[in-house]
Protein backbone atom coordinates (compact mmCIF):
# COMPACT_ATOMS: atom_id res chain seq x y z
CA MET A 1 43.69 -5.61 8.07
CA ARG A 2 42.15 -3.73 5.16
CA CYS A 3 38.96 -5.01 3.58
CA ALA A 4 37.79 -3.28 0.41
CA ASN A 5 34.56 -5.28 0.33
CA CYS A 6 33.67 -4.99 4.01
CA VAL A 7 31.36 -2.01 3.74
CA PRO A 8 29.31 -3.34 0.79
CA THR A 9 29.13 -6.74 2.46
CA LEU A 10 27.92 -5.22 5.73
CA ALA A 11 25.39 -3.09 3.89
CA PHE A 12 23.68 -6.24 2.60
CA THR A 13 24.20 -8.67 5.49
CA LEU A 14 23.81 -6.54 8.60
CA PRO A 15 20.20 -5.31 8.11
CA PRO A 16 18.64 -8.81 7.78
CA ALA A 17 20.69 -10.03 10.74
CA LEU A 18 19.56 -7.06 12.82
CA ALA A 19 15.96 -7.56 11.70
CA ALA A 20 16.02 -11.20 12.85
CA GLU A 21 17.67 -10.27 16.13
CA LEU A 22 15.47 -7.30 17.04
CA ILE A 23 11.99 -8.29 15.86
CA GLY A 24 11.41 -10.11 19.16
CA ARG A 25 11.79 -6.74 20.90
CA GLY A 26 9.27 -5.10 18.59
CA ILE A 27 11.95 -3.35 16.54
CA ARG A 28 11.65 -3.60 12.78
CA VAL A 29 14.78 -3.12 10.67
CA ASN A 30 14.54 -2.26 6.98
CA THR A 31 16.83 -0.48 4.55
CA ILE A 32 16.36 2.09 1.82
CA THR A 33 18.65 1.92 -1.19
CA ILE A 34 18.88 5.20 -3.06
CA GLY A 35 19.96 6.07 -6.55
CA PRO A 36 21.40 9.29 -7.93
CA MET A 37 19.83 12.34 -6.29
CA ALA A 38 19.35 15.92 -7.40
CA THR A 39 21.17 17.60 -4.53
CA ARG A 40 23.95 20.16 -4.28
CA LEU A 41 26.14 17.89 -2.14
CA LEU A 42 28.80 17.39 -4.82
CA ALA A 43 28.89 21.13 -5.55
CA ARG A 44 30.76 21.53 -2.25
CA SER A 45 33.53 19.24 -3.52
CA GLY A 46 35.15 21.98 -5.56
CA THR A 47 34.43 20.18 -8.83
CA SER A 48 33.55 22.50 -11.71
CA GLN A 49 29.89 22.96 -12.56
CA ALA A 50 30.54 21.72 -16.10
CA ILE A 51 31.83 18.40 -14.78
CA LEU A 52 28.95 18.11 -12.32
CA ASP A 53 26.46 18.80 -15.12
CA SER A 54 28.05 16.18 -17.37
CA GLN A 55 27.93 13.64 -14.54
CA ASP A 56 24.23 14.39 -14.04
CA VAL A 57 23.60 13.90 -17.77
CA ALA A 58 25.38 10.53 -17.62
CA ARG A 59 23.40 9.43 -14.56
CA ILE A 60 20.11 10.49 -16.13
CA GLY A 61 21.03 8.56 -19.27
CA ARG A 62 21.53 5.35 -17.24
CA SER A 63 18.38 5.83 -15.18
CA PRO A 64 15.29 3.93 -16.34
CA VAL A 65 13.09 6.88 -15.28
CA LYS A 66 15.42 9.34 -17.09
CA ARG A 67 15.76 11.78 -14.20
CA LEU A 68 17.48 12.22 -10.87
CA GLY A 69 15.63 11.50 -7.67
CA HIS A 70 14.63 14.12 -5.13
CA PRO A 71 15.38 13.86 -1.41
CA GLU A 72 11.67 14.25 -0.66
CA GLU A 73 10.97 11.01 -2.53
CA VAL A 74 13.35 9.08 -0.29
CA ALA A 75 11.95 10.87 2.76
CA ASN A 76 8.47 9.63 1.81
CA VAL A 77 9.76 6.04 1.81
CA ALA A 78 11.31 6.62 5.25
CA LEU A 79 8.04 8.08 6.51
CA PHE A 80 6.21 4.99 5.26
CA LEU A 81 8.66 2.71 7.07
CA ALA A 82 8.27 4.76 10.26
CA SER A 83 4.48 4.58 10.09
CA GLY A 84 2.08 1.88 11.18
CA ASP A 85 1.26 1.27 7.52
CA SER A 86 4.52 -0.69 7.26
CA SER A 87 3.95 -2.82 10.38
CA PHE A 88 4.27 -6.05 8.34
CA VAL A 89 7.47 -4.94 6.57
CA VAL A 90 10.49 -6.49 8.30
CA GLY A 91 14.02 -7.12 7.02
CA SER A 92 13.25 -5.60 3.64
CA GLU A 93 15.27 -3.46 1.29
CA ILE A 94 13.22 -0.82 -0.49
CA ALA A 95 14.92 0.61 -3.56
CA ALA A 96 13.98 4.28 -3.92
CA ASP A 97 16.31 4.54 -6.87
CA GLY A 98 14.24 5.19 -9.98
CA GLY A 99 15.11 1.71 -11.23
CA TRP A 100 18.86 2.26 -10.90
CA LEU A 101 19.40 -1.29 -9.61
CA LEU A 102 17.84 -2.63 -12.80
CA ASN A 103 21.08 -1.60 -14.53
CA THR A 104 22.92 -4.31 -12.58
CA MET A 105 20.73 -7.15 -13.82
């Protein structure tokens, strides 16, 4: 059976379920939602640089912060979640997306 909405549904329902299940074992589960990133990942797709550049311009135009994110910014969120400073953060979604999710409201 094919389910086109299974992955998005799991992405939003699985983390809170895991958080509730595992907190009793001292395991905290949280998620990081990312927005468009300034990486070279898509350059390996064989797409022309002109198309990649135009896609970046479009993404930047939709972004409330008017720039692409950097992997280090997401890594800093992950480091926070892995640290003791986040010991009271459980079952949360942190959007390291430059406000990208605001475009869906």
